[in-house]
All heavy atoms as atom14 arrays in JSON, in Angstrom:
{
  "sequence": "RAAGGLIMATAHGFATWDFATCQFTYLVHPEADQ",
  "atom14_mask": [
    [1, 1, 1, 1, 1, 1, 1, 1, 1, 1, 1, 0, 0, 0],
    [1, 1, 1, 1, 1, 0, 0, 0, 0, 0, 0, 0, 0, 0],
    [1, 1, 1, 1, 1, 0, 0, 0, 0, 0, 0, 0, 0, 0],
    [1, 1, 1, 1, 0, 0, 0, 0, 0, 0, 0, 0, 0, 0],
    [1, 1, 1, 1, 0, 0, 0, 0, 0, 0, 0, 0, 0, 0],
    [1, 1, 1, 1, 1, 1, 1, 1, 0, 0, 0, 0, 0, 0],
    [1, 1, 1, 1, 1, 1, 1, 1, 0, 0, 0, 0, 0, 0],
    [1, 1, 1, 1, 1, 1, 1, 1, 0, 0, 0, 0, 0, 0],
    [1, 1, 1, 1, 1, 0, 0, 0, 0, 0, 0, 0, 0, 0],
    [1, 1, 1, 1, 1, 1, 1, 0, 0, 0, 0, 0, 0, 0],
    [1, 1, 1, 1, 1, 0, 0, 0, 0, 0, 0, 0, 0, 0],
    [1, 1, 1, 1, 1, 1, 1, 1, 1, 1, 0, 0, 0, 0],
    [1, 1, 1, 1, 0, 0, 0, 0, 0, 0, 0, 0, 0, 0],
    [1, 1, 1, 1, 1, 1, 1, 1, 1, 1, 1, 0, 0, 0],
    [1, 1, 1, 1, 1, 0, 0, 0, 0, 0, 0, 0, 0, 0],
    [1, 1, 1, 1, 1, 1, 1, 0, 0, 0, 0, 0, 0, 0],
    [1, 1, 1, 1, 1, 1, 1, 1, 1, 1, 1, 1, 1, 1],
    [1, 1, 1, 1, 1, 1, 1, 1, 0, 0, 0, 0, 0, 0],
    [1, 1, 1, 1, 1, 1, 1, 1, 1, 1, 1, 0, 0, 0],
    [1, 1, 1, 1, 1, 0, 0, 0, 0, 0, 0, 0, 0, 0],
    [1, 1, 1, 1, 1, 1, 1, 0, 0, 0, 0, 0, 0, 0],
    [1, 1, 1, 1, 1, 1, 0, 0, 0, 0, 0, 0, 0, 0],
    [1, 1, 1, 1, 1, 1, 1, 1, 1, 0, 0, 0, 0, 0],
    [1, 1, 1, 1, 1, 1, 1, 1, 1, 1, 1, 0, 0, 0],
    [1, 1, 1, 1, 1, 1, 1, 0, 0, 0, 0, 0, 0, 0],
    [1, 1, 1, 1, 1, 1, 1, 1, 1, 1, 1, 1, 0, 0],
    [1, 1, 1, 1, 1, 1, 1, 1, 0, 0, 0, 0, 0, 0],
    [1, 1, 1, 1, 1, 1, 1, 0, 0, 0, 0, 0, 0, 0],
    [1, 1, 1, 1, 1, 1, 1, 1, 1, 1, 0, 0, 0, 0],
    [1, 1, 1, 1, 1, 1, 1, 0, 0, 0, 0, 0, 0, 0],
    [1, 1, 1, 1, 1, 1, 1, 1, 1, 0, 0, 0, 0, 0],
    [1, 1, 1, 1, 1, 0, 0, 0, 0, 0, 0, 0, 0, 0],
    [1, 1, 1, 1, 1, 1, 1, 1, 0, 0, 0, 0, 0, 0],
    [1, 1, 1, 1, 1, 1, 1, 1, 1, 0, 0, 0, 0, 0]
  ],
  "atom14_positions": [
    [[7.68, 3.8, -7.05], [6.67, 4.86, -7.0], [7.52, 6.13, -7.41], [8.45, 6.41, -6.7], [5.99, 5.02, -5.68], [4.93, 6.0, -5.5], [4.28, 6.01, -4.26], [3.17, 6.99, -4.12], [3.14, 7.74, -3.07], [3.88, 7.68, -2.01], [2.12, 8.68, -3.07], [0.0, 0.0, 0.0], [0.0, 0.0, 0.0], [0.0, 0.0, 0.0]],
    [[7.02, 6.88, -8.35], [7.77, 8.14, -8.74], [7.89, 9.11, -7.65], [8.82, 9.87, -7.49], [6.92, 8.8, -9.9], [0.0, 0.0, 0.0], [0.0, 0.0, 0.0], [0.0, 0.0, 0.0], [0.0, 0.0, 0.0], [0.0, 0.0, 0.0], [0.0, 0.0, 0.0], [0.0, 0.0, 0.0], [0.0, 0.0, 0.0], [0.0, 0.0, 0.0]],
    [[6.92, 9.25, -6.7], [7.0, 10.15, -5.55], [7.89, 9.68, -4.47], [8.09, 10.31, -3.54], [5.63, 10.37, -5.06], [0.0, 0.0, 0.0], [0.0, 0.0, 0.0], [0.0, 0.0, 0.0], [0.0, 0.0, 0.0], [0.0, 0.0, 0.0], [0.0, 0.0, 0.0], [0.0, 0.0, 0.0], [0.0, 0.0, 0.0], [0.0, 0.0, 0.0]],
    [[8.55, 8.42, -4.59], [9.33, 7.88, -3.54], [8.61, 6.71, -2.88], [7.4, 6.7, -2.83], [0.0, 0.0, 0.0], [0.0, 0.0, 0.0], [0.0, 0.0, 0.0], [0.0, 0.0, 0.0], [0.0, 0.0, 0.0], [0.0, 0.0, 0.0], [0.0, 0.0, 0.0], [0.0, 0.0, 0.0], [0.0, 0.0, 0.0], [0.0, 0.0, 0.0]],
    [[9.4, 5.73, -2.45], [8.81, 4.62, -1.73], [8.39, 3.59, -2.91], [8.71, 3.59, -4.07], [0.0, 0.0, 0.0], [0.0, 0.0, 0.0], [0.0, 0.0, 0.0], [0.0, 0.0, 0.0], [0.0, 0.0, 0.0], [0.0, 0.0, 0.0], [0.0, 0.0, 0.0], [0.0, 0.0, 0.0], [0.0, 0.0, 0.0], [0.0, 0.0, 0.0]],
    [[7.35, 2.82, -2.49], [6.81, 1.76, -3.27], [5.26, 1.75, -3.4], [4.69, 2.33, -2.5], [7.23, 0.43, -2.88], [8.82, 0.26, -2.6], [9.08, -1.08, -1.88], [9.55, 0.14, -4.0], [0.0, 0.0, 0.0], [0.0, 0.0, 0.0], [0.0, 0.0, 0.0], [0.0, 0.0, 0.0], [0.0, 0.0, 0.0], [0.0, 0.0, 0.0]],
    [[4.74, 1.14, -4.4], [3.32, 0.82, -4.42], [3.25, -0.68, -4.36], [4.07, -1.43, -5.02], [2.61, 1.31, -5.72], [1.19, 0.95, -5.76], [3.26, 0.91, -7.01], [0.38, 1.92, -5.04], [0.0, 0.0, 0.0], [0.0, 0.0, 0.0], [0.0, 0.0, 0.0], [0.0, 0.0, 0.0], [0.0, 0.0, 0.0], [0.0, 0.0, 0.0]],
    [[2.37, -1.21, -3.66], [2.18, -2.66, -3.41], [0.8, -3.11, -3.52], [-0.06, -2.3, -3.22], [2.78, -3.04, -2.11], [4.07, -2.61, -1.86], [4.69, -3.25, -0.15], [6.42, -2.91, -0.2], [0.0, 0.0, 0.0], [0.0, 0.0, 0.0], [0.0, 0.0, 0.0], [0.0, 0.0, 0.0], [0.0, 0.0, 0.0], [0.0, 0.0, 0.0]],
    [[0.46, -4.39, -3.98], [-0.73, -5.02, -3.74], [-0.56, -6.01, -2.55], [0.16, -6.95, -2.67], [-1.11, -5.63, -5.07], [0.0, 0.0, 0.0], [0.0, 0.0, 0.0], [0.0, 0.0, 0.0], [0.0, 0.0, 0.0], [0.0, 0.0, 0.0], [0.0, 0.0, 0.0], [0.0, 0.0, 0.0], [0.0, 0.0, 0.0], [0.0, 0.0, 0.0]],
    [[-1.29, -5.76, -1.45], [-1.06, -6.49, -0.31], [-2.35, -7.36, 0.1], [-3.4, -7.39, -0.71], [-0.69, -5.61, 0.92], [-1.93, -4.99, 1.52], [0.23, -4.5, 0.48], [0.0, 0.0, 0.0], [0.0, 0.0, 0.0], [0.0, 0.0, 0.0], [0.0, 0.0, 0.0], [0.0, 0.0, 0.0], [0.0, 0.0, 0.0], [0.0, 0.0, 0.0]],
    [[-2.23, -8.05, 1.21], [-3.36, -8.8, 1.78], [-4.5, -7.82, 2.1], [-5.63, -8.3, 2.24], [-2.97, -9.43, 2.99], [0.0, 0.0, 0.0], [0.0, 0.0, 0.0], [0.0, 0.0, 0.0], [0.0, 0.0, 0.0], [0.0, 0.0, 0.0], [0.0, 0.0, 0.0], [0.0, 0.0, 0.0], [0.0, 0.0, 0.0], [0.0, 0.0, 0.0]],
    [[-4.18, -6.46, 2.17], [-5.25, -5.61, 2.61], [-5.44, -4.51, 1.37], [-5.75, -3.4, 1.59], [-4.97, -4.82, 3.89], [-5.03, -5.76, 5.07], [-3.93, -6.29, 5.62], [-6.03, -6.16, 5.84], [-4.23, -7.06, 6.61], [-5.63, -7.02, 6.73], [0.0, 0.0, 0.0], [0.0, 0.0, 0.0], [0.0, 0.0, 0.0], [0.0, 0.0, 0.0]],
    [[-5.19, -5.03, 0.24], [-5.48, -4.25, -1.0], [-4.23, -3.43, -1.49], [-3.1, -3.64, -1.04], [0.0, 0.0, 0.0], [0.0, 0.0, 0.0], [0.0, 0.0, 0.0], [0.0, 0.0, 0.0], [0.0, 0.0, 0.0], [0.0, 0.0, 0.0], [0.0, 0.0, 0.0], [0.0, 0.0, 0.0], [0.0, 0.0, 0.0], [0.0, 0.0, 0.0]],
    [[-4.51, -2.43, -2.19], [-3.48, -1.54, -2.66], [-3.01, -0.56, -1.56], [-3.73, -0.07, -0.77], [-3.89, -0.72, -3.87], [-4.09, -1.56, -5.02], [-5.39, -1.93, -5.38], [-3.12, -1.84, -5.93], [-5.79, -2.84, -6.53], [-3.48, -2.77, -7.07], [-4.65, -3.19, -7.37], [0.0, 0.0, 0.0], [0.0, 0.0, 0.0], [0.0, 0.0, 0.0]],
    [[-1.69, -0.31, -1.57], [-1.07, 0.4, -0.53], [0.27, 1.04, -1.01], [1.0, 0.38, -1.79], [-0.86, -0.35, 0.73], [0.0, 0.0, 0.0], [0.0, 0.0, 0.0], [0.0, 0.0, 0.0], [0.0, 0.0, 0.0], [0.0, 0.0, 0.0], [0.0, 0.0, 0.0], [0.0, 0.0, 0.0], [0.0, 0.0, 0.0], [0.0, 0.0, 0.0]],
    [[0.63, 2.12, -0.41], [2.06, 2.57, -0.61], [2.88, 2.31, 0.51], [2.34, 2.24, 1.66], [2.0, 4.17, -0.91], [1.39, 4.83, 0.22], [1.35, 4.45, -2.29], [0.0, 0.0, 0.0], [0.0, 0.0, 0.0], [0.0, 0.0, 0.0], [0.0, 0.0, 0.0], [0.0, 0.0, 0.0], [0.0, 0.0, 0.0], [0.0, 0.0, 0.0]],
    [[4.23, 2.26, 0.35], [5.19, 1.96, 1.35], [6.11, 3.2, 1.54], [6.76, 3.74, 0.54], [5.96, 0.72, 1.12], [7.1, 0.53, 2.01], [8.38, 0.75, 1.98], [6.94, -0.16, 3.33], [9.02, 0.39, 3.06], [8.16, -0.29, 3.84], [5.85, -0.81, 4.01], [8.46, -0.85, 5.17], [6.19, -1.34, 5.31], [7.41, -1.33, 5.76]],
    [[6.29, 3.7, 2.71], [7.32, 4.86, 2.97], [8.4, 4.28, 3.72], [8.36, 3.76, 4.79], [6.58, 5.88, 3.87], [7.33, 7.17, 4.02], [8.58, 7.08, 3.91], [6.69, 8.12, 4.35], [0.0, 0.0, 0.0], [0.0, 0.0, 0.0], [0.0, 0.0, 0.0], [0.0, 0.0, 0.0], [0.0, 0.0, 0.0], [0.0, 0.0, 0.0]],
    [[9.57, 4.55, 3.14], [10.86, 3.97, 3.79], [11.25, 4.84, 5.09], [11.93, 4.24, 5.92], [11.96, 3.89, 2.74], [11.96, 2.72, 1.79], [11.58, 2.95, 0.5], [12.34, 1.46, 2.28], [11.47, 1.92, -0.36], [12.26, 0.45, 1.28], [11.91, 0.73, 0.0], [0.0, 0.0, 0.0], [0.0, 0.0, 0.0], [0.0, 0.0, 0.0]],
    [[10.8, 6.06, 5.13], [11.14, 6.86, 6.17], [10.44, 6.35, 7.5], [11.04, 6.32, 8.53], [10.79, 8.25, 5.89], [0.0, 0.0, 0.0], [0.0, 0.0, 0.0], [0.0, 0.0, 0.0], [0.0, 0.0, 0.0], [0.0, 0.0, 0.0], [0.0, 0.0, 0.0], [0.0, 0.0, 0.0], [0.0, 0.0, 0.0], [0.0, 0.0, 0.0]],
    [[9.24, 5.91, 7.35], [8.43, 5.38, 8.46], [8.37, 3.94, 8.61], [7.97, 3.32, 9.6], [7.07, 6.03, 8.5], [6.35, 5.46, 7.31], [7.08, 7.62, 8.43], [0.0, 0.0, 0.0], [0.0, 0.0, 0.0], [0.0, 0.0, 0.0], [0.0, 0.0, 0.0], [0.0, 0.0, 0.0], [0.0, 0.0, 0.0], [0.0, 0.0, 0.0]],
    [[8.7, 3.21, 7.39], [8.43, 1.81, 7.23], [7.0, 1.46, 7.58], [6.86, 0.54, 8.39], [9.52, 0.97, 8.18], [11.12, 1.04, 7.58], [0.0, 0.0, 0.0], [0.0, 0.0, 0.0], [0.0, 0.0, 0.0], [0.0, 0.0, 0.0], [0.0, 0.0, 0.0], [0.0, 0.0, 0.0], [0.0, 0.0, 0.0], [0.0, 0.0, 0.0]],
    [[6.1, 2.14, 6.93], [4.63, 1.91, 7.15], [3.96, 1.85, 5.75], [4.45, 2.56, 4.87], [4.14, 2.92, 8.05], [4.54, 2.82, 9.54], [3.89, 3.71, 10.49], [3.31, 4.8, 10.04], [3.91, 3.45, 11.67], [0.0, 0.0, 0.0], [0.0, 0.0, 0.0], [0.0, 0.0, 0.0], [0.0, 0.0, 0.0], [0.0, 0.0, 0.0]],
    [[2.92, 1.24, 5.82], [1.89, 1.29, 4.7], [1.0, 2.5, 4.87], [0.53, 2.86, 5.94], [0.97, 0.02, 4.57], [1.78, -1.11, 4.21], [1.92, -2.33, 5.13], [2.27, -1.34, 2.92], [2.58, -3.46, 4.61], [2.91, -2.4, 2.48], [3.11, -3.59, 3.4], [0.0, 0.0, 0.0], [0.0, 0.0, 0.0], [0.0, 0.0, 0.0]],
    [[0.55, 2.98, 3.82], [-0.67, 3.88, 3.64], [-1.65, 3.07, 2.74], [-1.37, 2.9, 1.54], [-0.24, 5.21, 3.1], [0.46, 5.94, 3.95], [-1.61, 6.03, 2.93], [0.0, 0.0, 0.0], [0.0, 0.0, 0.0], [0.0, 0.0, 0.0], [0.0, 0.0, 0.0], [0.0, 0.0, 0.0], [0.0, 0.0, 0.0], [0.0, 0.0, 0.0]],
    [[-2.67, 2.62, 3.28], [-3.72, 1.76, 2.58], [-4.64, 2.74, 1.72], [-5.05, 3.72, 2.21], [-4.44, 0.92, 3.48], [-3.62, -0.04, 4.16], [-3.09, 0.09, 5.58], [-3.26, -1.36, 3.5], [-2.37, -0.96, 6.12], [-2.55, -2.21, 4.13], [-2.03, -2.09, 5.43], [-1.19, -3.0, 6.0], [0.0, 0.0, 0.0], [0.0, 0.0, 0.0]],
    [[-4.87, 2.22, 0.45], [-5.49, 3.07, -0.44], [-7.03, 2.55, -0.82], [-7.86, 3.17, -0.67], [-4.69, 3.16, -1.81], [-3.21, 3.8, -1.63], [-2.43, 3.55, -2.85], [-3.3, 5.06, -1.12], [0.0, 0.0, 0.0], [0.0, 0.0, 0.0], [0.0, 0.0, 0.0], [0.0, 0.0, 0.0], [0.0, 0.0, 0.0], [0.0, 0.0, 0.0]],
    [[-7.0, 1.27, -1.19], [-8.23, 0.52, -1.59], [-8.22, -0.71, -1.49], [-7.03, -1.45, -2.0], [-8.75, 1.12, -2.94], [-7.87, 0.76, -4.14], [-10.19, 0.57, -3.23], [0.0, 0.0, 0.0], [0.0, 0.0, 0.0], [0.0, 0.0, 0.0], [0.0, 0.0, 0.0], [0.0, 0.0, 0.0], [0.0, 0.0, 0.0], [0.0, 0.0, 0.0]],
    [[-9.19, -1.48, -0.93], [-9.24, -2.94, -0.97], [-10.39, -3.57, -1.66], [-11.54, -3.52, -1.07], [-9.16, -3.45, 0.45], [-8.88, -4.9, 0.65], [-8.71, -5.7, -0.32], [-8.88, -5.71, 1.81], [-8.6, -7.01, 0.1], [-8.66, -7.09, 1.41], [0.0, 0.0, 0.0], [0.0, 0.0, 0.0], [0.0, 0.0, 0.0], [0.0, 0.0, 0.0]],
    [[-10.35, -3.85, -2.95], [-11.52, -4.28, -3.7], [-12.11, -5.58, -3.37], [-13.29, -5.81, -3.72], [-10.97, -4.39, -5.19], [-9.49, -4.62, -5.02], [-9.02, -3.99, -3.71], [0.0, 0.0, 0.0], [0.0, 0.0, 0.0], [0.0, 0.0, 0.0], [0.0, 0.0, 0.0], [0.0, 0.0, 0.0], [0.0, 0.0, 0.0], [0.0, 0.0, 0.0]],
    [[-11.39, -6.43, -2.51], [-11.88, -7.79, -2.27], [-11.88, -8.02, -0.66], [-11.56, -9.18, -0.31], [-11.16, -8.97, -3.23], [-11.28, -8.65, -4.58], [-10.67, -9.81, -5.42], [-10.17, -10.7, -4.79], [-10.81, -9.77, -6.62], [0.0, 0.0, 0.0], [0.0, 0.0, 0.0], [0.0, 0.0, 0.0], [0.0, 0.0, 0.0], [0.0, 0.0, 0.0]],
    [[-12.19, -7.0, 0.04], [-12.17, -7.15, 1.5], [-13.25, -8.17, 1.97], [-13.0, -8.7, 3.03], [-12.44, -5.77, 2.11], [0.0, 0.0, 0.0], [0.0, 0.0, 0.0], [0.0, 0.0, 0.0], [0.0, 0.0, 0.0], [0.0, 0.0, 0.0], [0.0, 0.0, 0.0], [0.0, 0.0, 0.0], [0.0, 0.0, 0.0], [0.0, 0.0, 0.0]],
    [[-14.15, -8.45, 1.12], [-15.21, -9.54, 1.43], [-14.81, -10.91, 1.03], [-15.79, -11.88, 1.16], [-16.59, -9.04, 0.93], [-16.6, -8.93, -0.53], [-15.35, -8.78, -1.17], [-17.69, -9.04, -1.15], [0.0, 0.0, 0.0], [0.0, 0.0, 0.0], [0.0, 0.0, 0.0], [0.0, 0.0, 0.0], [0.0, 0.0, 0.0], [0.0, 0.0, 0.0]],
    [[-13.66, -10.97, 0.58], [-13.29, -12.39, 0.13], [-11.91, -12.7, 0.64], [-10.96, -12.72, 0.05], [-13.19, -12.28, -1.46], [-14.45, -11.99, -2.18], [-14.33, -11.82, -3.67], [-14.17, -12.82, -4.37], [-14.42, -10.61, -4.18], [0.0, 0.0, 0.0], [0.0, 0.0, 0.0], [0.0, 0.0, 0.0], [0.0, 0.0, 0.0], [0.0, 0.0, 0.0]]
  ]
}
């Protein structure tokens, strides 16, 4: 990710990863019902 950290596709949809906090920020989950 250009802004730092990573972008991921996870079990809970798209999310960014921050190495400073070692946490996800969840963005959108297009298949939460599946």
